[in-house]
Amino acid sequence: MRRRTVITAVLVLCLTAAGATFAVARSPAKHHTRRTLTIYTVTPKGGLAVLAGQPGTFSLGDRVAFSDDVLTSKGGTTLGTDGGACTVTRVTDAATGSGALLCAVTFSLPGGDIETQALNTLTNGGFSGTQAASITGGTGRYRHVSGQLSIKFLSPTEATITFQF
């Protein structure tokens, strides 16, 4: 009798463990589901300020403060704004304004804010190409987001940004 009880208990335990493993394998984890959001940003007139540590030079510690309009696409519906500050952390060529900037940017969108941070490359005084940034947090509907974003610089005042949550 005792042996039958032990065998039954082991069998139930194995079936329960197998069922739990099967359920985990079949159901996608919520935290691993990827969502994307693509926006278009444009810097309005007066939306950029350069705070030079040494006027007339590109040097360590220079800061740039900015604010952009955030739209669904070029010429699309306004979604909100962003605002950020970048600090020069490395100068690779002062004469051409090339180096690295540490940038912290907050995107204010319907339902909350998304916080981001990146070490971006500046070449010949401007951002170009596609660069990555980290999503470091958020508020409201973006309160538990994490991931990264890619910034495709279209011109000195325009970019397309794709968030991957």
N, C-alpha and C. Protein backbone atom coordinates (compact mmCIF):
# COMPACT_ATOMS: atom_id res chain seq x y z
N MET A 1 0.82 -1.19 0.00
CA MET A 1 0.00 0.00 0.00
C MET A 1 0.86 1.25 0.00
N ARG A 2 1.90 1.21 0.88
CA ARG A 2 2.79 2.37 0.98
C ARG A 2 3.50 2.61 -0.35
N ARG A 3 3.92 1.53 -0.99
CA ARG A 3 4.62 1.64 -2.26
C ARG A 3 3.71 2.26 -3.32
N ARG A 4 2.45 1.90 -3.35
CA ARG A 4 1.50 2.44 -4.30
C ARG A 4 1.31 3.93 -4.05
N THR A 5 1.27 4.37 -2.81
CA THR A 5 1.13 5.78 -2.46
C THR A 5 2.34 6.57 -2.94
N VAL A 6 3.54 6.03 -2.72
CA VAL A 6 4.77 6.71 -3.15
C VAL A 6 4.80 6.80 -4.68
N ILE A 7 4.46 5.73 -5.38
CA ILE A 7 4.46 5.73 -6.85
C ILE A 7 3.44 6.74 -7.37
N THR A 8 2.26 6.78 -6.77
CA THR A 8 1.23 7.72 -7.17
C THR A 8 1.71 9.15 -6.96
N ALA A 9 2.33 9.41 -5.80
CA ALA A 9 2.82 10.76 -5.49
C ALA A 9 3.89 11.19 -6.48
N VAL A 10 4.82 10.28 -6.81
CA VAL A 10 5.88 10.59 -7.77
C VAL A 10 5.28 10.83 -9.14
N LEU A 11 4.32 10.02 -9.55
CA LEU A 11 3.66 10.18 -10.84
C LEU A 11 2.93 11.52 -10.93
N VAL A 12 2.21 11.89 -9.89
CA VAL A 12 1.51 13.18 -9.86
C VAL A 12 2.51 14.32 -9.94
N LEU A 13 3.60 14.22 -9.19
CA LEU A 13 4.63 15.26 -9.20
C LEU A 13 5.24 15.40 -10.59
N CYS A 14 5.53 14.28 -11.25
CA CYS A 14 6.12 14.33 -12.59
C CYS A 14 5.15 14.93 -13.60
N LEU A 15 3.88 14.52 -13.54
CA LEU A 15 2.89 15.06 -14.46
C LEU A 15 2.67 16.55 -14.23
N THR A 16 2.67 16.97 -12.96
CA THR A 16 2.52 18.39 -12.65
C THR A 16 3.70 19.18 -13.20
N ALA A 17 4.91 18.67 -12.98
CA ALA A 17 6.10 19.37 -13.49
C ALA A 17 6.09 19.41 -15.02
N ALA A 18 5.71 18.31 -15.64
CA ALA A 18 5.65 18.27 -17.11
C ALA A 18 4.61 19.24 -17.63
N GLY A 19 3.46 19.29 -16.97
CA GLY A 19 2.41 20.22 -17.38
C GLY A 19 2.84 21.66 -17.24
N ALA A 20 3.52 21.98 -16.15
CA ALA A 20 4.00 23.35 -15.95
C ALA A 20 5.05 23.70 -16.99
N THR A 21 5.94 22.77 -17.30
CA THR A 21 6.95 23.02 -18.32
C THR A 21 6.31 23.22 -19.67
N PHE A 22 5.31 22.39 -19.99
CA PHE A 22 4.60 22.50 -21.26
C PHE A 22 3.87 23.85 -21.34
N ALA A 23 3.25 24.27 -20.27
CA ALA A 23 2.52 25.55 -20.25
C ALA A 23 3.48 26.72 -20.45
N VAL A 24 4.64 26.66 -19.81
CA VAL A 24 5.62 27.74 -19.97
C VAL A 24 6.15 27.76 -21.39
N ALA A 25 6.41 26.59 -21.96
CA ALA A 25 6.94 26.52 -23.32
C ALA A 25 5.93 27.00 -24.35
N ARG A 26 4.64 26.77 -24.11
CA ARG A 26 3.62 27.14 -25.08
C ARG A 26 3.19 28.58 -24.99
N SER A 27 3.18 29.16 -23.79
CA SER A 27 2.70 30.54 -23.66
C SER A 27 3.87 31.51 -23.74
N PRO A 28 3.77 32.50 -24.63
CA PRO A 28 4.87 33.47 -24.74
C PRO A 28 4.96 34.31 -23.48
N ALA A 29 6.16 34.54 -23.02
CA ALA A 29 6.37 35.37 -21.84
C ALA A 29 6.06 36.82 -22.19
N LYS A 30 5.34 37.47 -21.34
CA LYS A 30 4.95 38.85 -21.58
C LYS A 30 6.16 39.77 -21.68
N HIS A 31 7.18 39.48 -20.90
CA HIS A 31 8.35 40.36 -20.87
C HIS A 31 9.21 40.23 -22.12
N HIS A 32 9.01 39.18 -22.92
CA HIS A 32 9.82 38.98 -24.11
C HIS A 32 9.09 39.40 -25.38
N THR A 33 7.87 39.88 -25.25
CA THR A 33 7.12 40.35 -26.40
C THR A 33 7.68 41.69 -26.84
N ARG A 34 8.03 41.82 -28.10
CA ARG A 34 8.58 43.06 -28.62
C ARG A 34 7.50 43.89 -29.29
N ARG A 35 7.48 45.18 -28.94
CA ARG A 35 6.60 46.13 -29.61
C ARG A 35 7.47 47.24 -30.16
N THR A 36 7.03 47.85 -31.25
CA THR A 36 7.77 48.97 -31.80
C THR A 36 6.86 50.18 -31.94
N LEU A 37 7.48 51.33 -31.88
CA LEU A 37 6.79 52.60 -32.09
C LEU A 37 7.75 53.47 -32.87
N THR A 38 7.31 53.98 -34.02
CA THR A 38 8.15 54.85 -34.84
C THR A 38 7.55 56.25 -34.85
N ILE A 39 8.41 57.25 -34.62
CA ILE A 39 7.99 58.65 -34.59
C ILE A 39 8.93 59.47 -35.46
N TYR A 40 8.52 60.68 -35.73
CA TYR A 40 9.31 61.63 -36.51
C TYR A 40 9.51 62.86 -35.62
N THR A 41 10.74 63.36 -35.53
CA THR A 41 11.00 64.56 -34.72
C THR A 41 11.57 65.67 -35.60
N VAL A 42 11.20 66.89 -35.27
CA VAL A 42 11.74 68.06 -35.97
C VAL A 42 12.01 69.14 -34.92
N THR A 43 13.19 69.75 -35.02
CA THR A 43 13.56 70.82 -34.10
C THR A 43 13.02 72.14 -34.62
N PRO A 44 12.13 72.78 -33.86
CA PRO A 44 11.59 74.07 -34.33
C PRO A 44 12.62 75.18 -34.17
N LYS A 45 12.37 76.30 -34.81
CA LYS A 45 13.25 77.46 -34.68
C LYS A 45 13.33 77.83 -33.20
N GLY A 46 14.53 78.02 -32.71
CA GLY A 46 14.73 78.36 -31.29
C GLY A 46 14.72 77.16 -30.38
N GLY A 47 14.70 75.93 -30.93
CA GLY A 47 14.64 74.72 -30.12
C GLY A 47 15.99 74.13 -29.78
N LEU A 48 17.08 74.88 -30.01
CA LEU A 48 18.42 74.36 -29.78
C LEU A 48 19.29 75.46 -29.18
N ALA A 49 20.02 75.12 -28.12
CA ALA A 49 20.94 76.07 -27.50
C ALA A 49 22.28 75.38 -27.24
N VAL A 50 23.37 76.01 -27.65
CA VAL A 50 24.71 75.49 -27.41
C VAL A 50 25.32 76.27 -26.27
N LEU A 51 25.76 75.54 -25.26
CA LEU A 51 26.38 76.15 -24.09
C LEU A 51 27.85 75.75 -24.08
N ALA A 52 28.68 76.59 -24.67
CA ALA A 52 30.10 76.28 -24.85
C ALA A 52 30.89 76.51 -23.57
N GLY A 53 31.75 75.54 -23.25
CA GLY A 53 32.65 75.71 -22.10
C GLY A 53 33.71 76.74 -22.42
N GLN A 54 34.24 76.69 -23.63
CA GLN A 54 35.22 77.65 -24.12
C GLN A 54 34.66 78.20 -25.43
N PRO A 55 34.12 79.42 -25.42
CA PRO A 55 33.50 79.99 -26.63
C PRO A 55 34.42 79.89 -27.85
N GLY A 56 33.82 79.48 -28.98
CA GLY A 56 34.56 79.39 -30.23
C GLY A 56 35.29 78.09 -30.44
N THR A 57 35.22 77.16 -29.48
CA THR A 57 35.89 75.88 -29.65
C THR A 57 34.94 74.74 -29.33
N PHE A 58 35.25 73.57 -29.85
CA PHE A 58 34.54 72.34 -29.51
C PHE A 58 35.38 71.66 -28.46
N SER A 59 34.88 71.63 -27.21
CA SER A 59 35.72 71.12 -26.13
C SER A 59 34.92 70.27 -25.14
N LEU A 60 35.66 69.50 -24.37
CA LEU A 60 35.10 68.64 -23.34
C LEU A 60 34.22 69.47 -22.40
N GLY A 61 33.02 68.97 -22.13
CA GLY A 61 32.11 69.66 -21.22
C GLY A 61 31.11 70.59 -21.90
N ASP A 62 31.29 70.88 -23.20
CA ASP A 62 30.29 71.69 -23.91
C ASP A 62 28.94 70.98 -23.80
N ARG A 63 27.86 71.77 -23.74
CA ARG A 63 26.52 71.19 -23.63
C ARG A 63 25.61 71.73 -24.72
N VAL A 64 24.67 70.90 -25.11
CA VAL A 64 23.63 71.29 -26.06
C VAL A 64 22.29 70.94 -25.42
N ALA A 65 21.39 71.90 -25.36
CA ALA A 65 20.04 71.66 -24.87
C ALA A 65 19.09 71.83 -26.05
N PHE A 66 18.06 70.97 -26.11
CA PHE A 66 17.16 71.04 -27.26
C PHE A 66 15.77 70.54 -26.89
N SER A 67 14.82 70.90 -27.76
CA SER A 67 13.45 70.40 -27.68
C SER A 67 12.94 70.24 -29.10
N ASP A 68 12.26 69.13 -29.34
CA ASP A 68 11.72 68.84 -30.68
C ASP A 68 10.21 68.67 -30.61
N ASP A 69 9.57 68.85 -31.76
CA ASP A 69 8.18 68.47 -31.91
C ASP A 69 8.18 67.01 -32.34
N VAL A 70 7.28 66.20 -31.77
CA VAL A 70 7.18 64.78 -32.08
C VAL A 70 5.90 64.55 -32.85
N LEU A 71 6.03 63.94 -34.05
CA LEU A 71 4.88 63.69 -34.93
C LEU A 71 4.81 62.21 -35.31
N THR A 72 3.68 61.81 -35.85
CA THR A 72 3.51 60.42 -36.30
C THR A 72 4.40 60.12 -37.51
N SER A 73 4.63 61.11 -38.36
CA SER A 73 5.48 60.98 -39.54
C SER A 73 5.74 62.40 -40.04
N LYS A 74 6.57 62.55 -41.06
CA LYS A 74 6.83 63.87 -41.62
C LYS A 74 5.51 64.45 -42.14
N GLY A 75 5.13 65.61 -41.63
CA GLY A 75 3.87 66.23 -42.00
C GLY A 75 2.66 65.60 -41.32
N GLY A 76 2.90 64.66 -40.39
CA GLY A 76 1.82 63.93 -39.73
C GLY A 76 1.25 64.65 -38.52
N THR A 77 0.50 63.93 -37.74
CA THR A 77 -0.17 64.45 -36.55
C THR A 77 0.82 64.63 -35.40
N THR A 78 0.69 65.72 -34.67
CA THR A 78 1.55 65.99 -33.52
C THR A 78 1.20 65.04 -32.38
N LEU A 79 2.22 64.37 -31.83
CA LEU A 79 2.04 63.46 -30.70
C LEU A 79 2.47 64.08 -29.39
N GLY A 80 3.45 64.98 -29.43
CA GLY A 80 3.98 65.56 -28.20
C GLY A 80 5.28 66.28 -28.47
N THR A 81 6.17 66.24 -27.49
CA THR A 81 7.46 66.90 -27.61
C THR A 81 8.54 66.01 -26.98
N ASP A 82 9.77 66.38 -27.23
CA ASP A 82 10.87 65.78 -26.49
C ASP A 82 11.76 66.90 -26.01
N GLY A 83 12.62 66.58 -25.10
CA GLY A 83 13.58 67.55 -24.59
C GLY A 83 14.79 66.81 -24.08
N GLY A 84 15.95 67.40 -24.29
CA GLY A 84 17.15 66.70 -23.84
C GLY A 84 18.34 67.61 -23.72
N ALA A 85 19.39 67.01 -23.21
CA ALA A 85 20.67 67.71 -23.08
C ALA A 85 21.78 66.71 -23.39
N CYS A 86 22.78 67.19 -24.12
CA CYS A 86 23.94 66.37 -24.46
C CYS A 86 25.19 67.08 -23.97
N THR A 87 26.12 66.32 -23.45
CA THR A 87 27.39 66.85 -22.97
C THR A 87 28.52 66.19 -23.73
N VAL A 88 29.46 66.99 -24.21
CA VAL A 88 30.63 66.45 -24.92
C VAL A 88 31.49 65.71 -23.91
N THR A 89 31.70 64.42 -24.17
CA THR A 89 32.51 63.59 -23.27
C THR A 89 33.83 63.15 -23.89
N ARG A 90 33.96 63.34 -25.21
CA ARG A 90 35.21 63.00 -25.89
C ARG A 90 35.34 63.87 -27.13
N VAL A 91 36.50 64.44 -27.31
CA VAL A 91 36.79 65.24 -28.50
C VAL A 91 37.78 64.45 -29.35
N THR A 92 37.37 64.09 -30.57
CA THR A 92 38.29 63.38 -31.46
C THR A 92 38.93 64.33 -32.45
N ASP A 93 38.24 65.43 -32.79
CA ASP A 93 38.80 66.45 -33.67
C ASP A 93 38.09 67.77 -33.38
N ALA A 94 38.73 68.61 -32.60
CA ALA A 94 38.12 69.89 -32.21
C ALA A 94 37.87 70.80 -33.40
N ALA A 95 38.76 70.75 -34.39
CA ALA A 95 38.63 71.63 -35.56
C ALA A 95 37.37 71.33 -36.37
N THR A 96 36.97 70.05 -36.44
CA THR A 96 35.79 69.70 -37.22
C THR A 96 34.55 69.51 -36.36
N GLY A 97 34.69 69.62 -35.04
CA GLY A 97 33.55 69.39 -34.14
C GLY A 97 33.14 67.94 -34.12
N SER A 98 34.11 67.05 -33.97
CA SER A 98 33.83 65.61 -33.94
C SER A 98 34.19 65.03 -32.59
N GLY A 99 33.32 64.09 -32.13
CA GLY A 99 33.56 63.46 -30.85
C GLY A 99 32.35 62.68 -30.38
N ALA A 100 32.27 62.48 -29.07
CA ALA A 100 31.16 61.73 -28.49
C ALA A 100 30.41 62.62 -27.50
N LEU A 101 29.08 62.47 -27.50
CA LEU A 101 28.22 63.22 -26.58
C LEU A 101 27.34 62.26 -25.80
N LEU A 102 27.25 62.47 -24.51
CA LEU A 102 26.34 61.72 -23.66
C LEU A 102 25.03 62.48 -23.66
N CYS A 103 23.95 61.83 -24.16
CA CYS A 103 22.66 62.49 -24.32
C CYS A 103 21.58 61.81 -23.49
N ALA A 104 20.83 62.59 -22.75
CA ALA A 104 19.65 62.13 -22.01
C ALA A 104 18.45 62.87 -22.60
N VAL A 105 17.47 62.11 -23.09
CA VAL A 105 16.31 62.70 -23.76
C VAL A 105 15.03 62.09 -23.19
N THR A 106 14.04 62.95 -22.93
CA THR A 106 12.72 62.51 -22.49
C THR A 106 11.71 62.82 -23.58
N PHE A 107 10.92 61.81 -23.94
CA PHE A 107 9.87 61.96 -24.94
C PHE A 107 8.54 62.02 -24.19
N SER A 108 7.81 63.11 -24.36
CA SER A 108 6.50 63.28 -23.74
C SER A 108 5.43 62.94 -24.77
N LEU A 109 4.79 61.79 -24.60
CA LEU A 109 3.83 61.26 -25.56
C LEU A 109 2.47 61.08 -24.88
N PRO A 110 1.41 60.87 -25.66
CA PRO A 110 0.11 60.62 -25.04
C PRO A 110 0.20 59.43 -24.08
N GLY A 111 -0.19 59.61 -22.86
CA GLY A 111 -0.19 58.53 -21.87
C GLY A 111 1.04 58.46 -21.00
N GLY A 112 2.08 59.26 -21.27
CA GLY A 112 3.26 59.21 -20.41
C GLY A 112 4.54 59.65 -21.11
N ASP A 113 5.62 59.49 -20.39
CA ASP A 113 6.95 59.88 -20.88
C ASP A 113 7.83 58.64 -21.04
N ILE A 114 8.79 58.73 -21.97
CA ILE A 114 9.80 57.69 -22.15
C ILE A 114 11.16 58.35 -21.95
N GLU A 115 11.96 57.78 -21.06
CA GLU A 115 13.31 58.28 -20.77
C GLU A 115 14.33 57.48 -21.56
N THR A 116 15.33 58.18 -22.15
CA THR A 116 16.36 57.50 -22.93
C THR A 116 17.74 58.07 -22.60
N GLN A 117 18.76 57.30 -22.94
CA GLN A 117 20.13 57.75 -22.74
C GLN A 117 21.02 57.09 -23.78
N ALA A 118 22.02 57.85 -24.27
CA ALA A 118 22.92 57.30 -25.29
C ALA A 118 24.26 58.02 -25.29
N LEU A 119 25.24 57.36 -25.82
CA LEU A 119 26.53 57.95 -26.12
C LEU A 119 26.57 58.05 -27.64
N ASN A 120 26.29 59.24 -28.17
CA ASN A 120 26.17 59.44 -29.61
C ASN A 120 27.45 60.03 -30.20
N THR A 121 27.67 59.71 -31.47
CA THR A 121 28.84 60.20 -32.19
C THR A 121 28.47 61.43 -33.01
N LEU A 122 29.26 62.47 -32.86
CA LEU A 122 29.11 63.72 -33.61
C LEU A 122 30.26 63.79 -34.60
N THR A 123 29.96 64.00 -35.89
CA THR A 123 30.98 64.08 -36.92
C THR A 123 30.79 65.37 -37.70
N ASN A 124 31.86 66.13 -37.82
CA ASN A 124 31.81 67.42 -38.53
C ASN A 124 30.68 68.31 -38.02
N GLY A 125 30.50 68.33 -36.71
CA GLY A 125 29.51 69.22 -36.09
C GLY A 125 28.08 68.76 -36.17
N GLY A 126 27.82 67.52 -36.62
CA GLY A 126 26.44 67.05 -36.72
C GLY A 126 26.30 65.56 -36.51
N PHE A 127 25.10 65.14 -36.15
CA PHE A 127 24.78 63.73 -36.04
C PHE A 127 24.41 63.22 -37.43
N SER A 128 24.78 61.98 -37.73
CA SER A 128 24.42 61.41 -39.03
C SER A 128 24.23 59.91 -38.90
N GLY A 129 23.68 59.33 -39.95
CA GLY A 129 23.46 57.88 -39.96
C GLY A 129 22.40 57.46 -38.97
N THR A 130 22.51 56.23 -38.51
CA THR A 130 21.59 55.67 -37.52
C THR A 130 22.39 55.32 -36.28
N GLN A 131 21.92 55.78 -35.13
CA GLN A 131 22.59 55.53 -33.87
C GLN A 131 21.60 54.95 -32.87
N ALA A 132 22.10 54.22 -31.89
CA ALA A 132 21.26 53.54 -30.91
C ALA A 132 21.24 54.27 -29.58
N ALA A 133 20.18 54.02 -28.80
CA ALA A 133 20.06 54.57 -27.44
C ALA A 133 19.32 53.55 -26.58
N SER A 134 19.48 53.66 -25.28
CA SER A 134 18.78 52.80 -24.33
C SER A 134 17.50 53.46 -23.85
N ILE A 135 16.46 52.66 -23.67
CA ILE A 135 15.26 53.14 -23.00
C ILE A 135 15.48 52.82 -21.52
N THR A 136 15.57 53.87 -20.71
CA THR A 136 15.92 53.67 -19.30
C THR A 136 14.73 53.70 -18.37
N GLY A 137 13.55 54.04 -18.86
CA GLY A 137 12.37 54.05 -18.01
C GLY A 137 11.26 54.88 -18.61
N GLY A 138 10.23 55.08 -17.81
CA GLY A 138 9.12 55.86 -18.30
C GLY A 138 8.09 56.12 -17.21
N THR A 139 7.03 56.82 -17.60
CA THR A 139 5.94 57.11 -16.69
C THR A 139 4.62 56.74 -17.37
N GLY A 140 3.55 56.67 -16.59
CA GLY A 140 2.24 56.38 -17.15
C GLY A 140 2.22 55.05 -17.86
N ARG A 141 1.68 55.02 -19.07
CA ARG A 141 1.59 53.76 -19.82
C ARG A 141 2.95 53.20 -20.20
N TYR A 142 4.02 53.99 -20.06
CA TYR A 142 5.38 53.55 -20.38
C TYR A 142 6.18 53.23 -19.10
N ARG A 143 5.50 53.11 -17.99
CA ARG A 143 6.12 52.95 -16.68
C ARG A 143 7.03 51.74 -16.58
N HIS A 144 6.72 50.65 -17.22
CA HIS A 144 7.53 49.43 -17.11
C HIS A 144 8.31 49.10 -18.37
N VAL A 145 8.46 50.06 -19.28
CA VAL A 145 9.15 49.76 -20.53
C VAL A 145 10.66 49.69 -20.35
N SER A 146 11.26 48.92 -21.21
CA SER A 146 12.71 48.87 -21.33
C SER A 146 12.98 48.48 -22.77
N GLY A 147 14.20 48.62 -23.18
CA GLY A 147 14.57 48.26 -24.54
C GLY A 147 15.54 49.25 -25.12
N GLN A 148 15.43 49.44 -26.42
CA GLN A 148 16.33 50.37 -27.08
C GLN A 148 15.59 51.07 -28.21
N LEU A 149 16.25 52.07 -28.75
CA LEU A 149 15.69 52.77 -29.89
C LEU A 149 16.79 53.04 -30.89
N SER A 150 16.39 53.23 -32.14
CA SER A 150 17.35 53.61 -33.17
C SER A 150 16.92 54.97 -33.70
N ILE A 151 17.89 55.85 -33.84
CA ILE A 151 17.67 57.21 -34.31
C ILE A 151 18.29 57.32 -35.69
N LYS A 152 17.47 57.57 -36.69
CA LYS A 152 17.97 57.78 -38.05
C LYS A 152 17.94 59.29 -38.29
N PHE A 153 19.13 59.88 -38.35
CA PHE A 153 19.24 61.33 -38.55
C PHE A 153 19.04 61.64 -40.03
N LEU A 154 18.01 62.43 -40.32
CA LEU A 154 17.66 62.76 -41.70
C LEU A 154 18.29 64.08 -42.14
N SER A 155 18.45 65.00 -41.20
CA SER A 155 19.05 66.31 -41.44
C SER A 155 19.47 66.86 -40.07
N PRO A 156 20.07 68.03 -40.02
CA PRO A 156 20.44 68.59 -38.71
C PRO A 156 19.24 68.84 -37.78
N THR A 157 18.03 68.91 -38.34
CA THR A 157 16.85 69.20 -37.50
C THR A 157 15.77 68.13 -37.56
N GLU A 158 16.01 67.02 -38.26
CA GLU A 158 14.98 65.99 -38.43
C GLU A 158 15.55 64.59 -38.17
N ALA A 159 14.70 63.75 -37.56
CA ALA A 159 15.08 62.36 -37.33
C ALA A 159 13.85 61.49 -37.28
N THR A 160 14.04 60.21 -37.63
CA THR A 160 13.02 59.19 -37.44
C THR A 160 13.54 58.29 -36.33
N ILE A 161 12.69 58.05 -35.34
CA ILE A 161 13.10 57.27 -34.18
C ILE A 161 12.18 56.05 -34.05
N THR A 162 12.78 54.87 -33.92
CA THR A 162 12.02 53.66 -33.73
C THR A 162 12.36 53.07 -32.37
N PHE A 163 11.34 53.02 -31.49
CA PHE A 163 11.47 52.44 -30.17
C PHE A 163 11.20 50.95 -30.28
N GLN A 164 12.01 50.12 -29.63
CA GLN A 164 11.78 48.68 -29.54
C GLN A 164 11.64 48.36 -28.06
N PHE A 165 10.40 48.13 -27.64
CA PHE A 165 10.12 47.86 -26.22
C PHE A 165 10.21 46.37 -25.95
